[in-house]
Amino acid sequence: MTLKYTDEHVWLNVDGDMATVGITHHAQDVLGDIVFVDLPEVGQTLAPKAVAGVVESVKAAADVYMPVTGEVTQVNEALRTDPALANTDPLGLGWFFKIKLTQPNELDDLMDEDGYALFSAKG
């Protein structure tokens, strides 16, 4: 499995042609207490930078952008009833959706863990 990051503070955990997607620790820190999550529909195919969902917190609302081209195969229904999972465990139980990659070469444009750490440290 390979962990990749976008400049919109979205992570992907890639395993073959499948990936789990969520928001980063940095994103949930900036948003504060998350109170609502809107998830994409299963079966939907989205391109990179397309809005795949929305996160609402007590401070603000933010779009969740699709990191790479893919078909949504599953959404985390637990987030609908307990959106705070995105705060308490953003890289684990707080995942948003799973996708089947249709353009795996797009992963080359994303950051690895070290690159993302440098990027997010800049603000």
Protein backbone atom coordinates (compact mmCIF):
# COMPACT_ATOMS: atom_id res chain seq x y z
CA MET A 1 0.00 0.00 0.00
CA THR A 2 1.14 3.49 -0.84
CA LEU A 3 0.06 6.72 0.84
CA LYS A 4 -0.23 9.79 -1.42
CA TYR A 5 -1.38 13.38 -0.74
CA THR A 6 -2.83 16.29 -2.69
CA ASP A 7 -2.35 20.02 -2.24
CA GLU A 8 -6.03 20.16 -1.19
CA HIS A 9 -5.13 18.14 1.95
CA VAL A 10 -6.66 14.88 0.75
CA TRP A 11 -4.91 11.55 1.23
CA LEU A 12 -5.13 8.30 -0.73
CA ASN A 13 -4.07 4.90 0.47
CA VAL A 14 -3.43 3.00 -2.76
CA ASP A 15 -3.56 -0.79 -2.95
CA GLY A 16 -3.27 -2.02 -6.52
CA ASP A 17 -6.00 -0.37 -8.60
CA MET A 18 -8.05 0.58 -5.53
CA ALA A 19 -7.64 3.53 -3.16
CA THR A 20 -9.18 4.74 0.07
CA VAL A 21 -9.61 8.53 0.27
CA GLY A 22 -9.97 10.95 3.17
CA ILE A 23 -8.88 14.30 4.54
CA THR A 24 -5.56 14.82 6.30
CA HIS A 25 -4.79 15.66 9.92
CA HIS A 26 -3.91 19.16 8.73
CA ALA A 27 -7.29 19.63 7.04
CA GLN A 28 -9.28 18.50 10.07
CA ASP A 29 -7.12 20.72 12.34
CA VAL A 30 -7.92 23.76 10.20
CA LEU A 31 -11.63 22.92 9.99
CA GLY A 32 -12.14 22.21 13.67
CA ASP A 33 -15.03 20.07 14.92
CA ILE A 34 -16.63 18.40 11.90
CA VAL A 35 -20.43 18.23 12.16
CA PHE A 36 -21.52 17.06 8.67
CA VAL A 37 -20.03 15.16 5.73
CA ASP A 38 -21.56 14.91 2.26
CA LEU A 39 -20.20 11.92 0.35
CA PRO A 40 -20.23 11.08 -3.38
CA GLU A 41 -22.55 8.47 -4.84
CA VAL A 42 -21.31 4.93 -5.37
CA GLY A 43 -20.83 4.32 -9.10
CA GLN A 44 -19.98 7.95 -9.82
CA THR A 45 -16.80 8.50 -11.86
CA LEU A 46 -14.99 11.73 -11.12
CA ALA A 47 -11.96 13.49 -12.58
CA PRO A 48 -9.15 15.05 -10.56
CA LYS A 49 -10.13 18.32 -8.84
CA ALA A 50 -13.86 17.56 -9.20
CA VAL A 51 -15.85 18.13 -6.02
CA ALA A 52 -16.40 14.69 -4.50
CA GLY A 53 -17.99 15.82 -1.25
CA VAL A 54 -18.33 18.53 1.37
CA VAL A 55 -17.15 18.75 4.96
CA GLU A 56 -18.89 21.14 7.34
CA SER A 57 -17.47 22.12 10.69
CA VAL A 58 -18.44 24.57 13.39
CA LYS A 59 -16.04 27.04 11.70
CA ALA A 60 -16.52 26.54 7.96
CA ALA A 61 -17.51 24.35 5.05
CA ALA A 62 -14.98 22.96 2.59
CA ASP A 63 -15.16 20.97 -0.61
CA VAL A 64 -13.41 17.61 -0.80
CA TYR A 65 -11.74 17.32 -4.20
CA MET A 66 -11.22 14.09 -6.08
CA PRO A 67 -7.47 13.35 -6.05
CA VAL A 68 -7.30 11.23 -9.24
CA THR A 69 -9.71 9.89 -11.82
CA GLY A 70 -11.72 7.01 -10.47
CA GLU A 71 -15.05 5.36 -9.86
CA VAL A 72 -16.48 5.54 -6.35
CA THR A 73 -16.96 1.96 -5.15
CA GLN A 74 -17.86 2.55 -1.50
CA VAL A 75 -18.57 5.39 0.93
CA ASN A 76 -18.03 5.44 4.68
CA GLU A 77 -21.60 5.34 5.98
CA ALA A 78 -20.29 5.68 9.55
CA LEU A 79 -19.36 9.32 8.75
CA ARG A 80 -23.00 10.16 8.08
CA THR A 81 -23.96 9.29 11.65
CA ASP A 82 -20.64 10.21 13.31
CA PRO A 83 -18.86 12.90 11.25
CA ALA A 84 -16.45 13.48 14.16
CA LEU A 85 -14.59 10.33 13.01
CA ALA A 86 -12.93 12.64 10.47
CA ASN A 87 -11.46 14.53 13.46
CA THR A 88 -10.62 11.66 15.78
CA ASP A 89 -9.18 9.24 13.20
CA PRO A 90 -8.79 10.98 9.82
CA LEU A 91 -6.36 8.39 8.42
CA GLY A 92 -8.29 5.39 9.77
CA LEU A 93 -11.97 5.12 10.67
CA GLY A 94 -12.57 8.63 9.29
CA TRP A 95 -11.97 7.68 5.64
CA PHE A 96 -14.49 9.18 3.17
CA PHE A 97 -14.76 6.89 0.15
CA LYS A 98 -13.04 4.19 -1.87
CA ILE A 99 -12.32 4.37 -5.58
CA LYS A 100 -11.22 2.16 -8.44
CA LEU A 101 -8.41 4.00 -10.21
CA THR A 102 -8.96 4.52 -13.91
CA GLN A 103 -5.82 6.60 -14.60
CA PRO A 104 -3.15 5.19 -12.22
CA ASN A 105 -0.44 7.33 -13.85
CA GLU A 106 -2.06 10.38 -12.16
CA LEU A 107 -0.62 9.13 -8.86
CA ASP A 108 2.77 10.36 -10.10
CA ASP A 109 1.51 13.94 -9.74
CA LEU A 110 0.74 13.54 -6.03
CA MET A 111 3.02 14.01 -3.00
CA ASP A 112 4.49 11.30 -0.84
CA GLU A 113 4.46 11.59 2.96
CA ASP A 114 7.70 13.62 3.14
CA GLY A 115 6.61 15.97 0.36
CA TYR A 116 3.26 16.54 2.04
CA ALA A 117 4.90 17.22 5.41
CA LEU A 118 7.01 19.97 3.80
CA PHE A 119 3.99 21.34 1.92
CA SER A 120 1.70 21.48 4.96
CA ALA A 121 4.41 23.00 7.16
CA LYS A 122 4.41 26.06 4.87
CA GLY A 123 0.89 26.92 6.00
